[in-house]
Amino acid sequence: FEQLLLFTSGGLFWIVYYNLRAELGRWLDKIVIALGIVFGGLFITNYFWGETQIRPWSLFLPYTGYLNHNNIGDLWSVVLTISVFYTIQKPRIYRYWILAILGVYFLIMSQSRTALVSLAVGLYYLAKNFGWTARYKKVFLAFGILVGTLFLYFGSQKSVLQSRQYYVQALVGLVNNPFGVGVGNFGLISTDPANWIFGLSHTSIVVHNIVLEIMAGMGIFGVVFVIWLIKVLLKLWNKEEKQTLVYRASFFALLTNFLFHSTYFVPSMLWLWMMLLGISQAGSTKVRV
């Protein structure tokens, strides 16, 4: 029921932003930046003066008891995508340079590999549409080396394959539960020994992949979501309209995050994703800088 309300309300945000693109679209990038600043301030306050609390769905508290992941980086991967866009478009507006520096700080502090990949996808989409890859080869090479180095550094402190056993469990669970177990109930699949093939018995309450999460929850009915998502991706990836470019890049960055992390269960992140989708599909939006 909780997930029903979450995704239904997300759909309402999608409808509202699609139909009121002229009124709301011009402010959406500022809303994202404002969210980043608010949660960034909460992160700093808690990090230096607060107590250690574990909250998986929080955007500024530690995600796990290992204290090696914080969702603040996942949020700021989107803020950084927007900041870099405006930094290049309007280099004399220095507030975006400040936001970019803050974003790098939050990415490092979050230790989120997913945030790094999300940012890379968002910036690549911007570069593809502006032709930056050819003009700024050395810059992108340096960026790639930096992201790769941070990715390996963060990865050296975490397991990779051993902590992703739930991907296989989700696929096996789909075979054993073709009609699903209800979105949000992946724990029923992960804790069922019938789904522990090859000794993959590490349990989890989430799949950390929005596609597998929907498929495991809805079973064969989840195919509708997969088809819809593929159609949306193909249409937006090939769209050439410049007015909503920053929103499409942010949408792809956030989607990448949803493919490797469970942030799709964080209401503000899912709602933001739907807002970005609504604006990106509607188009013809004037953005205030």
Protein backbone atom coordinates (compact mmCIF):
# COMPACT_ATOMS: atom_id res chain seq x y z
CA PHE A 1 0.00 0.00 0.00
CA GLU A 2 2.90 2.32 0.77
CA GLN A 3 4.41 1.75 -2.67
CA LEU A 4 1.00 2.16 -4.31
CA LEU A 5 0.71 5.63 -2.78
CA LEU A 6 4.33 6.42 -3.70
CA PHE A 7 4.05 5.57 -7.40
CA THR A 8 0.51 6.93 -7.76
CA SER A 9 1.53 10.28 -6.32
CA GLY A 10 4.58 10.21 -8.60
CA GLY A 11 2.26 9.74 -11.55
CA LEU A 12 0.27 12.78 -10.44
CA PHE A 13 3.44 14.89 -10.42
CA TRP A 14 4.15 13.62 -13.93
CA ILE A 15 0.69 14.71 -15.15
CA VAL A 16 0.86 18.11 -13.44
CA TYR A 17 4.30 19.00 -14.81
CA TYR A 18 3.41 17.79 -18.28
CA ASN A 19 0.31 19.98 -18.45
CA LEU A 20 1.66 23.00 -16.56
CA ARG A 21 5.09 23.02 -18.17
CA ALA A 22 4.98 26.74 -18.97
CA GLU A 23 4.12 27.70 -15.39
CA LEU A 24 6.21 25.15 -13.47
CA GLY A 25 8.95 24.07 -15.86
CA ARG A 26 10.94 27.27 -15.64
CA TRP A 27 11.43 26.76 -11.90
CA LEU A 28 12.14 23.05 -11.73
CA ASP A 29 15.92 23.39 -11.98
CA LYS A 30 15.84 25.88 -9.12
CA ILE A 31 13.74 23.47 -7.07
CA VAL A 32 16.36 20.74 -7.59
CA ILE A 33 19.16 23.09 -6.54
CA ALA A 34 17.17 24.24 -3.50
CA LEU A 35 16.62 20.62 -2.44
CA GLY A 36 20.33 19.96 -2.84
CA ILE A 37 21.25 22.94 -0.67
CA VAL A 38 18.70 22.07 2.05
CA PHE A 39 19.72 18.42 2.32
CA GLY A 40 23.38 19.33 1.91
CA GLY A 41 23.07 21.68 4.88
CA LEU A 42 21.39 18.93 6.91
CA PHE A 43 24.20 16.54 5.96
CA ILE A 44 26.92 18.95 7.09
CA THR A 45 25.07 19.78 10.31
CA ASN A 46 24.56 16.13 11.19
CA TYR A 47 28.06 15.07 10.10
CA PHE A 48 29.86 17.59 12.31
CA TRP A 49 27.42 18.17 15.16
CA GLY A 50 24.79 15.41 15.04
CA GLU A 51 24.55 11.81 16.16
CA THR A 52 25.05 8.73 14.00
CA GLN A 53 21.63 7.53 12.87
CA ILE A 54 20.93 4.97 10.16
CA ARG A 55 18.07 5.89 7.83
CA PRO A 56 18.04 4.05 4.45
CA TRP A 57 15.51 6.43 2.87
CA SER A 58 17.12 9.62 4.17
CA LEU A 59 18.95 12.00 1.86
CA PHE A 60 21.48 13.12 4.46
CA LEU A 61 21.89 10.30 7.02
CA PRO A 62 23.99 7.11 6.57
CA TYR A 63 22.33 4.47 4.42
CA THR A 64 23.76 1.44 6.25
CA GLY A 65 25.45 0.59 9.50
CA TYR A 66 28.75 0.27 7.64
CA LEU A 67 28.68 4.08 7.23
CA ASN A 68 30.10 3.75 3.72
CA HIS A 69 27.20 5.21 1.76
CA ASN A 70 25.07 8.32 2.05
CA ASN A 71 22.31 9.26 -0.38
CA ILE A 72 23.38 12.91 -0.40
CA GLY A 73 25.72 12.10 -3.28
CA ASP A 74 22.92 10.51 -5.29
CA LEU A 75 20.84 13.69 -5.00
CA TRP A 76 23.78 15.91 -5.80
CA SER A 77 24.61 13.94 -8.96
CA VAL A 78 21.47 15.59 -10.38
CA VAL A 79 22.29 19.00 -8.90
CA LEU A 80 25.78 18.73 -10.38
CA THR A 81 24.41 17.88 -13.82
CA ILE A 82 22.37 21.09 -13.74
CA SER A 83 25.25 23.14 -12.28
CA VAL A 84 27.74 21.99 -14.92
CA PHE A 85 25.23 22.77 -17.67
CA TYR A 86 24.85 26.37 -16.50
CA THR A 87 28.54 26.74 -15.67
CA ILE A 88 29.38 26.09 -19.32
CA GLN A 89 26.41 28.03 -20.69
CA LYS A 90 26.83 31.02 -18.38
CA PRO A 91 30.45 30.94 -17.12
CA ARG A 92 30.19 34.39 -15.51
CA ILE A 93 27.40 33.35 -13.15
CA TYR A 94 29.69 32.22 -10.34
CA ARG A 95 27.04 30.67 -8.12
CA TYR A 96 27.04 27.65 -10.41
CA TRP A 97 30.80 27.27 -9.96
CA ILE A 98 30.24 27.25 -6.21
CA LEU A 99 27.50 24.63 -6.58
CA ALA A 100 29.82 22.48 -8.71
CA ILE A 101 32.54 22.58 -6.03
CA LEU A 102 29.98 21.72 -3.34
CA GLY A 103 28.74 18.85 -5.50
CA VAL A 104 32.20 17.32 -5.74
CA TYR A 105 32.50 17.55 -1.96
CA PHE A 106 29.17 15.78 -1.40
CA LEU A 107 30.01 13.08 -3.94
CA ILE A 108 33.27 12.32 -2.16
CA MET A 109 31.66 12.36 1.28
CA SER A 110 28.79 10.10 0.18
CA GLN A 111 31.15 7.38 -1.11
CA SER A 112 28.43 6.52 -3.64
CA ARG A 113 29.61 4.72 -6.76
CA THR A 114 26.10 5.02 -8.14
CA ALA A 115 26.26 8.81 -7.85
CA LEU A 116 29.47 8.87 -9.91
CA VAL A 117 27.95 6.76 -12.68
CA SER A 118 24.76 8.84 -12.63
CA LEU A 119 26.71 12.07 -13.01
CA ALA A 120 28.77 10.57 -15.84
CA VAL A 121 25.60 9.60 -17.75
CA GLY A 122 24.01 13.02 -17.23
CA LEU A 123 27.11 14.88 -18.42
CA TYR A 124 27.61 12.53 -21.35
CA TYR A 125 24.07 13.27 -22.53
CA LEU A 126 24.77 17.00 -22.33
CA ALA A 127 28.07 16.55 -24.15
CA LYS A 128 26.45 14.47 -26.87
CA ASN A 129 23.88 17.14 -27.63
CA PHE A 130 26.31 20.06 -27.51
CA GLY A 131 29.20 18.37 -29.28
CA TRP A 132 31.43 18.84 -26.25
CA THR A 133 33.09 15.44 -26.61
CA ALA A 134 34.95 16.62 -29.68
CA ARG A 135 35.72 20.16 -28.43
CA TYR A 136 36.77 19.22 -24.91
CA LYS A 137 38.45 15.83 -25.30
CA LYS A 138 41.12 16.54 -22.69
CA VAL A 139 38.55 17.81 -20.19
CA PHE A 140 36.42 14.70 -20.57
CA LEU A 141 39.49 12.48 -20.39
CA ALA A 142 40.48 14.12 -17.11
CA PHE A 143 36.92 13.80 -15.85
CA GLY A 144 36.85 10.12 -16.80
CA ILE A 145 40.10 9.48 -14.95
CA LEU A 146 38.80 11.31 -11.87
CA VAL A 147 35.49 9.41 -11.83
CA GLY A 148 37.26 6.10 -12.45
CA THR A 149 39.74 6.74 -9.64
CA LEU A 150 36.99 7.65 -7.17
CA PHE A 151 34.93 4.65 -8.29
CA LEU A 152 37.81 2.28 -7.63
CA TYR A 153 38.61 3.96 -4.32
CA PHE A 154 35.02 3.69 -3.10
CA GLY A 155 34.81 0.14 -4.44
CA SER A 156 37.92 -0.91 -2.53
CA GLN A 157 35.97 -0.35 0.68
CA LYS A 158 32.89 -2.30 -0.40
CA SER A 159 32.04 -5.64 -1.94
CA VAL A 160 30.77 -5.69 -5.51
CA LEU A 161 29.47 -9.08 -6.68
CA GLN A 162 28.83 -10.44 -3.20
CA SER A 163 26.53 -7.53 -2.32
CA ARG A 164 24.50 -7.79 -5.55
CA GLN A 165 23.14 -11.29 -5.09
CA TYR A 166 19.60 -9.93 -5.02
CA TYR A 167 19.73 -9.32 -8.80
CA VAL A 168 19.87 -13.08 -9.35
CA GLN A 169 17.32 -13.67 -6.61
CA ALA A 170 14.91 -11.27 -8.34
CA LEU A 171 15.21 -13.15 -11.64
CA VAL A 172 14.76 -16.55 -10.00
CA GLY A 173 11.91 -15.15 -7.91
CA LEU A 174 10.17 -14.01 -11.06
CA VAL A 175 10.19 -17.59 -12.33
CA ASN A 176 8.91 -18.96 -9.02
CA ASN A 177 6.37 -16.13 -8.57
CA PRO A 178 5.18 -15.26 -12.09
CA PHE A 179 2.39 -13.03 -10.76
CA GLY A 180 4.67 -11.17 -8.36
CA VAL A 181 4.61 -10.65 -4.62
CA GLY A 182 3.64 -6.98 -4.56
CA VAL A 183 5.99 -4.04 -5.11
CA GLY A 184 7.89 -3.39 -1.89
CA ASN A 185 7.75 -7.03 -0.80
CA PHE A 186 11.03 -8.18 -2.31
CA GLY A 187 12.08 -9.41 1.14
CA LEU A 188 9.66 -12.31 0.63
CA ILE A 189 11.67 -13.41 -2.40
CA SER A 190 15.12 -12.70 -0.98
CA THR A 191 14.49 -14.68 2.21
CA ASP A 192 12.98 -17.68 0.40
CA PRO A 193 15.60 -20.49 0.11
CA ALA A 194 13.92 -21.57 -3.13
CA ASN A 195 15.49 -18.51 -4.77
CA TRP A 196 19.02 -19.08 -3.45
CA ILE A 197 20.66 -20.70 -6.46
CA PHE A 198 24.46 -21.10 -6.59
CA GLY A 199 24.54 -20.44 -2.85
CA LEU A 200 23.49 -16.79 -3.27
CA SER A 201 21.75 -16.44 0.07
CA HIS A 202 22.56 -12.83 0.98
CA THR A 203 19.17 -11.30 1.78
CA SER A 204 17.84 -7.82 1.06
CA ILE A 205 14.51 -6.02 1.33
CA VAL A 206 15.09 -4.17 -1.97
CA VAL A 207 16.52 -5.11 -5.37
CA HIS A 208 18.44 -1.85 -5.94
CA ASN A 209 17.14 -1.75 -9.52
CA ILE A 210 13.79 -0.17 -10.35
CA VAL A 211 13.14 -2.49 -13.31
CA LEU A 212 13.83 -5.68 -11.35
CA GLU A 213 11.91 -4.25 -8.38
CA ILE A 214 8.79 -3.74 -10.49
CA MET A 215 9.15 -7.09 -12.22
CA ALA A 216 9.66 -8.97 -8.94
CA GLY A 217 6.71 -7.16 -7.40
CA MET A 218 4.26 -7.31 -10.32
CA GLY A 219 5.46 -10.43 -12.09
CA ILE A 220 4.48 -10.69 -15.74
CA PHE A 221 2.31 -7.58 -15.38
CA GLY A 222 5.53 -5.62 -14.90
CA VAL A 223 6.26 -6.07 -18.61
CA VAL A 224 3.97 -3.10 -19.22
CA PHE A 225 6.32 -0.90 -17.16
CA VAL A 226 9.37 -2.21 -19.03
CA ILE A 227 7.82 -1.52 -22.45
CA TRP A 228 6.74 1.95 -21.35
CA LEU A 229 10.21 2.77 -19.99
CA ILE A 230 11.96 1.59 -23.17
CA LYS A 231 9.68 3.74 -25.33
CA VAL A 232 10.30 6.77 -23.11
CA LEU A 233 14.06 6.26 -23.16
CA LEU A 234 14.28 5.93 -26.93
CA LYS A 235 12.17 9.02 -27.49
CA LEU A 236 13.98 11.24 -25.01
CA TRP A 237 17.50 10.05 -25.88
CA ASN A 238 17.01 11.02 -29.53
CA LYS A 239 15.18 14.27 -28.79
CA GLU A 240 17.08 17.32 -30.01
CA GLU A 241 15.10 20.15 -28.42
CA LYS A 242 17.49 22.43 -26.52
CA GLN A 243 14.96 24.07 -24.20
CA THR A 244 14.50 20.96 -22.07
CA LEU A 245 18.00 19.53 -22.53
CA VAL A 246 19.09 20.10 -18.93
CA TYR A 247 15.94 18.34 -17.69
CA ARG A 248 16.43 15.36 -19.98
CA ALA A 249 20.04 15.03 -18.84
CA SER A 250 18.88 15.17 -15.20
CA PHE A 251 16.21 12.56 -15.94
CA PHE A 252 18.80 10.16 -17.37
CA ALA A 253 21.15 10.80 -14.44
CA LEU A 254 18.40 9.98 -11.94
CA LEU A 255 17.25 6.93 -13.90
CA THR A 256 20.82 5.61 -13.86
CA ASN A 257 20.75 6.01 -10.10
CA PHE A 258 17.54 3.98 -9.94
CA LEU A 259 19.17 1.15 -11.89
CA PHE A 260 21.89 0.62 -9.27
CA HIS A 261 20.42 1.87 -6.01
CA SER A 262 17.13 1.86 -4.11
CA THR A 263 16.63 5.65 -4.17
CA TYR A 264 13.42 5.08 -6.16
CA PHE A 265 11.83 4.34 -2.77
CA VAL A 266 12.80 7.81 -1.50
CA PRO A 267 9.65 9.87 -2.21
CA SER A 268 11.39 13.13 -3.12
CA MET A 269 13.68 11.32 -5.57
CA LEU A 270 10.88 9.43 -7.33
CA TRP A 271 8.68 12.52 -7.48
CA LEU A 272 11.56 14.55 -8.87
CA TRP A 273 12.14 11.88 -11.52
CA MET A 274 8.49 12.10 -12.57
CA MET A 275 8.62 15.90 -12.68
CA LEU A 276 11.68 15.79 -14.92
CA LEU A 277 9.97 13.25 -17.16
CA GLY A 278 6.83 15.37 -17.49
CA ILE A 279 8.80 18.46 -18.51
CA SER A 280 11.09 16.49 -20.82
CA GLN A 281 8.18 14.91 -22.68
CA ALA A 282 6.17 18.13 -22.92
CA GLY A 283 8.98 20.31 -24.24
CA SER A 284 8.82 24.00 -25.19
CA THR A 285 9.84 25.17 -21.73
CA LYS A 286 11.66 28.43 -21.13
CA VAL A 287 14.21 28.12 -18.35
CA ARG A 288 15.15 31.03 -16.09
CA VAL A 289 18.87 31.26 -15.36
